[in-house]
N, C-alpha and C. Protein backbone atom coordinates (compact mmCIF):
# COMPACT_ATOMS: atom_id res chain seq x y z
N UNK A 1 1.01 -1.11 0.07
CA UNK A 1 -0.11 -0.10 0.10
C UNK A 1 1.06 1.58 -0.09
N UNK A 2 0.18 1.99 -0.58
CA UNK A 2 0.88 3.69 -0.45
C UNK A 2 0.19 4.41 -0.18
N UNK A 3 0.90 5.19 0.08
CA UNK A 3 0.09 6.75 1.04
C UNK A 3 -1.04 7.36 0.11
N UNK A 4 -2.69 7.23 0.52
CA UNK A 4 -2.60 7.66 -0.73
C UNK A 4 -3.58 9.29 -0.79
N UNK A 5 -3.63 8.97 -1.85
CA UNK A 5 -3.44 10.67 -2.69
C UNK A 5 -2.15 11.40 -1.62
N UNK A 6 -0.91 10.86 -2.19
CA UNK A 6 0.45 11.66 -2.13
C UNK A 6 0.76 12.94 -3.20
N UNK A 7 0.32 12.98 -3.74
CA UNK A 7 0.86 14.52 -4.29
C UNK A 7 -0.30 15.60 -4.58
N UNK A 8 -1.01 14.79 -3.31
CA UNK A 8 -1.68 16.37 -2.59
C UNK A 8 -1.32 16.27 -1.20
N UNK A 9 -0.78 15.39 -0.74
CA UNK A 9 0.07 15.77 0.88
C UNK A 9 0.54 17.04 1.27
N UNK A 10 0.10 16.89 2.23
CA UNK A 10 1.19 18.59 2.92
C UNK A 10 1.65 18.32 3.91
N UNK A 11 2.93 19.38 3.45
CA UNK A 11 4.33 19.26 3.64
C UNK A 11 4.22 20.42 4.52
N UNK A 12 4.31 20.71 5.36
CA UNK A 12 3.58 22.50 5.52
C UNK A 12 5.28 23.14 5.53
N UNK A 13 5.70 24.17 4.79
CA UNK A 13 7.00 24.85 5.38
C UNK A 13 7.79 24.85 6.35
N UNK A 14 6.13 24.91 7.88
CA UNK A 14 7.18 24.83 9.01
C UNK A 14 7.54 23.44 9.53
N UNK A 15 7.29 22.87 9.10
CA UNK A 15 8.23 21.58 9.09
C UNK A 15 9.05 21.22 8.54
N UNK A 16 9.25 21.63 7.44
CA UNK A 16 11.03 21.85 7.24
C UNK A 16 11.64 22.75 7.75
N UNK A 17 11.37 24.24 7.40
CA UNK A 17 11.49 25.17 8.28
C UNK A 17 12.66 25.63 9.53
N UNK A 18 10.79 25.25 9.77
CA UNK A 18 11.55 24.96 11.96
C UNK A 18 11.99 23.69 12.36
N UNK A 19 11.38 23.08 11.65
CA UNK A 19 12.50 21.23 12.41
C UNK A 19 13.62 20.56 11.53
N UNK A 20 12.43 19.68 10.69
CA UNK A 20 13.88 19.46 9.39
C UNK A 20 15.03 20.06 9.56
N UNK A 21 14.65 21.05 9.45
CA UNK A 21 16.36 21.93 8.57
C UNK A 21 16.52 23.16 9.53
N UNK A 22 16.23 22.56 10.88
CA UNK A 22 16.53 23.68 12.31
C UNK A 22 17.22 22.92 12.86
N UNK A 23 18.75 23.25 13.02
CA UNK A 23 19.81 22.88 13.71
C UNK A 23 19.95 23.71 15.18
N UNK A 24 19.02 24.45 15.49
CA UNK A 24 18.60 24.95 16.62
C UNK A 24 17.77 24.39 17.75
N UNK A 25 16.41 23.33 16.52
CA UNK A 25 15.32 22.42 17.97
C UNK A 25 16.15 21.50 17.84
N UNK A 26 15.34 21.48 19.41
CA UNK A 26 16.15 20.58 20.25
C UNK A 26 15.49 18.42 19.42
N UNK A 27 14.58 18.65 19.55
CA UNK A 27 14.71 17.57 17.61
C UNK A 27 15.17 17.25 17.08
N UNK A 28 14.78 18.37 16.93
CA UNK A 28 15.29 18.51 15.03
C UNK A 28 16.20 18.18 14.37
N UNK A 29 17.73 19.07 15.69
CA UNK A 29 18.27 19.49 15.19
C UNK A 29 19.99 18.09 14.12
N UNK A 30 19.36 17.12 14.43
CA UNK A 30 20.53 15.80 14.38
C UNK A 30 19.50 15.46 13.09
N UNK A 31 18.14 15.73 12.74
CA UNK A 31 17.85 15.87 11.07
C UNK A 31 18.01 16.82 10.43
N UNK A 32 18.13 18.10 10.75
CA UNK A 32 18.93 19.51 10.56
C UNK A 32 20.32 19.37 9.78
N UNK A 33 20.98 18.27 10.60
CA UNK A 33 22.93 18.61 10.27
C UNK A 33 22.77 17.45 9.48
N UNK A 34 21.69 16.01 9.18
CA UNK A 34 21.88 15.48 7.89
C UNK A 34 20.72 16.02 6.61
N UNK A 35 19.97 15.79 6.81
CA UNK A 35 18.98 16.55 5.96
C UNK A 35 20.20 18.13 4.49
N UNK A 36 20.61 18.66 5.90
CA UNK A 36 21.26 19.98 6.08
C UNK A 36 22.96 19.66 4.34
N UNK A 37 23.69 19.01 5.31
CA UNK A 37 24.26 17.73 4.79
C UNK A 37 24.62 17.37 3.48
N UNK A 38 23.14 17.50 3.27
CA UNK A 38 22.75 16.92 1.54
C UNK A 38 22.09 17.35 0.91
N UNK A 39 22.42 19.56 1.15
CA UNK A 39 21.82 19.37 0.67
C UNK A 39 21.30 20.93 0.50
N UNK A 40 20.36 20.03 1.56
CA UNK A 40 18.99 20.78 2.00
C UNK A 40 19.06 22.10 2.09
N UNK A 41 18.00 23.13 2.09
CA UNK A 41 18.18 24.05 2.14
C UNK A 41 16.96 25.00 2.96
N UNK A 42 17.11 25.74 3.06
CA UNK A 42 15.27 26.81 4.14
C UNK A 42 14.87 27.41 3.15
N UNK A 43 15.50 27.59 2.68
CA UNK A 43 15.46 28.41 1.08
C UNK A 43 14.63 28.54 0.40
N UNK A 44 15.17 27.00 -0.07
CA UNK A 44 14.43 25.86 -0.82
C UNK A 44 13.83 24.88 -0.40
N UNK A 45 12.60 25.21 0.55
CA UNK A 45 12.03 24.40 1.67
C UNK A 45 10.88 23.68 1.16
N UNK A 46 10.96 23.97 -0.25
CA UNK A 46 9.50 23.14 -2.02
C UNK A 46 10.42 21.90 -2.07
N UNK A 47 11.72 22.26 -2.08
CA UNK A 47 12.01 21.30 -3.05
C UNK A 47 12.98 19.94 -1.67
N UNK A 48 12.83 19.77 -1.14
CA UNK A 48 12.85 18.75 0.50
C UNK A 48 11.74 18.54 0.41
N UNK A 49 10.59 19.13 0.19
CA UNK A 49 9.13 19.10 0.26
C UNK A 49 8.96 17.94 -1.14
N UNK A 50 8.48 17.91 -1.98
CA UNK A 50 8.83 17.65 -3.19
C UNK A 50 9.68 16.20 -3.30
N UNK A 51 10.73 16.64 -2.19
CA UNK A 51 11.33 15.41 -2.53
C UNK A 51 10.90 13.49 -1.51
N UNK A 52 10.53 14.31 0.00
CA UNK A 52 9.87 13.80 0.71
C UNK A 52 7.80 12.47 0.38
N UNK A 53 7.34 14.17 -0.78
CA UNK A 53 5.79 13.26 -1.48
C UNK A 53 6.69 12.45 -2.41
N UNK A 54 7.92 12.46 -3.34
CA UNK A 54 8.02 11.32 -4.27
C UNK A 54 8.46 9.80 -3.48
N UNK A 55 8.82 10.17 -1.98
CA UNK A 55 9.94 9.67 -1.11
C UNK A 55 8.29 8.35 -0.34
N UNK A 56 7.32 9.23 -0.85
CA UNK A 56 5.79 8.38 0.29
C UNK A 56 5.33 7.71 -1.69
N UNK A 57 5.24 8.41 -2.46
CA UNK A 57 4.86 7.79 -3.87
C UNK A 57 5.70 6.83 -4.62
N UNK A 58 6.81 6.52 -4.00
CA UNK A 58 7.23 5.41 -4.75
C UNK A 58 7.90 4.45 -3.45
N UNK A 59 7.97 4.38 -2.66
CA UNK A 59 8.01 3.42 -1.41
C UNK A 59 6.75 3.08 -0.46
N UNK A 60 7.04 1.88 -0.31
CA UNK A 60 5.51 1.39 0.40
C UNK A 60 5.25 1.63 2.14
N UNK A 61 4.16 1.69 2.81
CA UNK A 61 3.61 1.76 3.95
C UNK A 61 4.05 0.60 4.84
N UNK A 62 5.10 0.76 5.52
CA UNK A 62 5.40 0.11 5.67
C UNK A 62 4.92 -0.66 7.39
N UNK A 63 4.36 0.62 7.85
CA UNK A 63 3.36 0.72 9.34
C UNK A 63 2.50 0.90 9.19
N UNK A 64 1.36 0.91 9.60
CA UNK A 64 -0.02 1.31 9.46
C UNK A 64 -0.62 1.60 11.16
N UNK A 65 -1.05 2.47 11.32
CA UNK A 65 -1.45 2.57 13.06
C UNK A 65 -2.74 3.45 12.78
N UNK A 66 -3.90 3.13 13.96
CA UNK A 66 -5.08 4.25 13.61
C UNK A 66 -5.40 3.92 15.40
N UNK A 67 -5.04 5.58 15.12
CA UNK A 67 -5.54 5.92 16.69
C UNK A 67 -7.11 6.77 16.68
N UNK A 68 -6.56 7.47 17.86
CA UNK A 68 -8.11 7.70 18.13
C UNK A 68 -8.56 8.89 16.92
N UNK A 69 -7.31 9.24 16.44
CA UNK A 69 -7.69 10.85 16.04
C UNK A 69 -7.06 10.98 14.41
N UNK A 70 -6.73 9.60 14.12
CA UNK A 70 -7.21 8.78 12.51
C UNK A 70 -5.92 7.88 12.59
N UNK A 71 -5.56 8.10 11.22
CA UNK A 71 -4.18 7.17 10.58
C UNK A 71 -2.52 7.73 10.54
N UNK A 72 -2.12 7.01 11.08
CA UNK A 72 -0.53 7.01 10.68
C UNK A 72 0.33 5.52 10.20
N UNK A 73 0.78 6.50 9.04
CA UNK A 73 1.01 5.98 8.06
C UNK A 73 2.93 5.77 8.21
N UNK A 74 3.40 4.55 7.77
CA UNK A 74 5.05 4.57 8.30
C UNK A 74 6.03 4.35 6.88
N UNK A 75 6.11 5.25 6.11
CA UNK A 75 7.05 4.68 5.17
C UNK A 75 8.71 4.52 5.03
N UNK A 76 9.08 3.46 4.52
CA UNK A 76 10.33 2.83 4.41
C UNK A 76 10.79 2.86 2.99
N UNK A 77 12.27 3.11 2.61
CA UNK A 77 13.22 3.13 1.48
C UNK A 77 13.82 4.23 1.15
N UNK A 78 14.58 4.46 -0.04
CA UNK A 78 15.12 4.80 -0.22
C UNK A 78 14.48 6.25 -1.02
N UNK A 79 15.81 6.94 -1.31
CA UNK A 79 15.52 8.91 -1.02
C UNK A 79 16.88 9.29 -1.96
N UNK A 80 16.77 9.07 -3.38
CA UNK A 80 17.86 10.33 -3.96
C UNK A 80 17.55 11.25 -3.63
N UNK A 81 19.16 11.28 -2.51
CA UNK A 81 18.99 12.53 -2.08
C UNK A 81 19.90 14.49 -3.19
N UNK A 82 19.50 15.15 -2.38
CA UNK A 82 19.94 15.92 -3.25
C UNK A 82 21.08 16.34 -3.54
N UNK A 83 22.00 15.81 -3.12
CA UNK A 83 23.93 14.96 -3.62
C UNK A 83 23.96 14.25 -4.42
N UNK A 84 22.89 13.73 -4.93
CA UNK A 84 23.01 12.27 -5.31
C UNK A 84 23.14 10.63 -4.52
N UNK A 85 23.57 11.43 -3.15
CA UNK A 85 23.50 9.93 -2.07
C UNK A 85 21.84 9.10 -1.59
N UNK A 86 22.18 8.04 -2.36
CA UNK A 86 21.33 7.37 -1.62
C UNK A 86 20.92 6.87 -0.51
N UNK A 87 19.96 7.44 0.15
CA UNK A 87 19.72 6.26 1.77
C UNK A 87 18.93 6.63 2.39
N UNK A 88 18.26 5.23 3.46
CA UNK A 88 17.34 5.21 2.97
C UNK A 88 16.53 5.46 4.47
N UNK A 89 15.32 6.55 4.06
CA UNK A 89 14.69 6.98 4.97
C UNK A 89 13.58 6.44 5.65
N UNK A 90 13.18 7.40 6.42
CA UNK A 90 11.87 6.81 6.69
C UNK A 90 10.89 8.12 7.09
N UNK A 91 10.15 7.89 6.60
CA UNK A 91 8.55 9.29 6.85
C UNK A 91 7.16 8.47 7.30
N UNK A 92 7.37 9.97 8.18
CA UNK A 92 5.74 9.78 8.93
C UNK A 92 4.56 10.98 8.45
N UNK A 93 3.54 9.71 8.21
CA UNK A 93 2.45 10.06 7.17
C UNK A 93 0.78 10.71 8.27
N UNK A 94 0.61 11.57 8.84
CA UNK A 94 -1.17 10.70 9.10
C UNK A 94 -1.54 12.21 8.45
N UNK A 95 -3.35 11.40 8.17
CA UNK A 95 -4.53 11.38 7.92
C UNK A 95 -5.91 11.46 9.33
N UNK A 96 -5.64 13.07 9.31
CA UNK A 96 -6.94 12.75 10.31
C UNK A 96 -8.27 12.36 10.01
N UNK A 97 -9.16 12.44 11.13
CA UNK A 97 -10.06 11.07 10.82
C UNK A 97 -11.00 11.94 10.30
N UNK A 98 -11.51 11.29 9.29
CA UNK A 98 -12.67 12.26 8.46
C UNK A 98 -11.47 13.32 7.33
N UNK A 99 -10.74 12.72 7.16
CA UNK A 99 -9.66 13.64 5.69
C UNK A 99 -9.24 12.49 5.06
N UNK A 100 -8.98 12.90 3.67
CA UNK A 100 -8.32 11.62 2.65
C UNK A 100 -7.21 12.53 2.53
N UNK A 101 -6.77 13.36 2.81
CA UNK A 101 -4.88 14.24 2.44
C UNK A 101 -3.98 13.65 3.60
N UNK A 102 -3.11 13.09 3.39
CA UNK A 102 -2.15 13.17 4.25
C UNK A 102 -1.05 14.12 5.09
N UNK A 103 -0.72 14.36 6.64
CA UNK A 103 0.66 15.52 6.24
C UNK A 103 1.34 14.98 6.72
N UNK A 104 2.97 15.10 5.90
CA UNK A 104 3.92 15.36 6.66
C UNK A 104 4.18 14.82 8.52
N UNK A 105 4.61 14.07 8.91
CA UNK A 105 4.12 14.84 10.47
C UNK A 105 6.03 14.49 10.94
N UNK A 106 7.23 13.52 10.06
CA UNK A 106 8.07 13.77 10.15
C UNK A 106 9.29 12.95 9.31
N UNK A 107 10.94 12.93 8.72
CA UNK A 107 11.57 12.10 8.40
C UNK A 107 12.93 12.67 8.53
N UNK A 108 13.17 11.04 8.76
CA UNK A 108 14.92 11.07 9.04
C UNK A 108 14.93 9.93 8.40
N UNK A 109 17.01 9.60 8.42
CA UNK A 109 17.91 8.76 8.18
C UNK A 109 17.65 7.03 8.65
N UNK A 110 17.66 6.32 7.71
CA UNK A 110 17.68 4.85 8.76
C UNK A 110 18.54 4.12 8.78
N UNK A 111 19.41 3.98 7.66
CA UNK A 111 20.58 3.23 7.48
C UNK A 111 22.23 4.23 7.00
N UNK A 112 22.79 3.18 6.63
CA UNK A 112 24.04 4.08 6.12
C UNK A 112 23.76 4.43 4.22
N UNK A 113 24.70 5.05 3.80
CA UNK A 113 24.39 5.81 2.45
C UNK A 113 24.84 5.29 1.51
N UNK A 114 24.66 5.35 -0.26
CA UNK A 114 25.63 4.99 -0.74
C UNK A 114 25.23 5.68 -2.13
N UNK A 115 26.40 5.91 -2.43
CA UNK A 115 26.21 7.01 -3.62
C UNK A 115 26.00 6.22 -4.86
N UNK A 116 25.22 7.34 -5.87
CA UNK A 116 24.83 6.44 -6.39
C UNK A 116 25.70 6.79 -8.34
């Protein structure tokens, strides 16, 4: 199964700029170090948003969890990063109850990277 309606998925600017690419964020600093180290920048946050949508489009949902608020979808698989490195990434998406479009929760690397 893939993330439904992934082409319409919400990837908020704040999630990218203030969390995934923010070296000052307590929980996001290691993610920022990883993604920034591979060429992503807050000024071009849309590029990273599209890369994460592509990740959700190309890879299968590895885990699905229903909660009282909606459905949490975990996607794992390779992502070609901006600098040409291919990394195993986990992206987490959430579909609120009554909605059909997913919203990005987080993304982070899983394993060692390989050059293409």
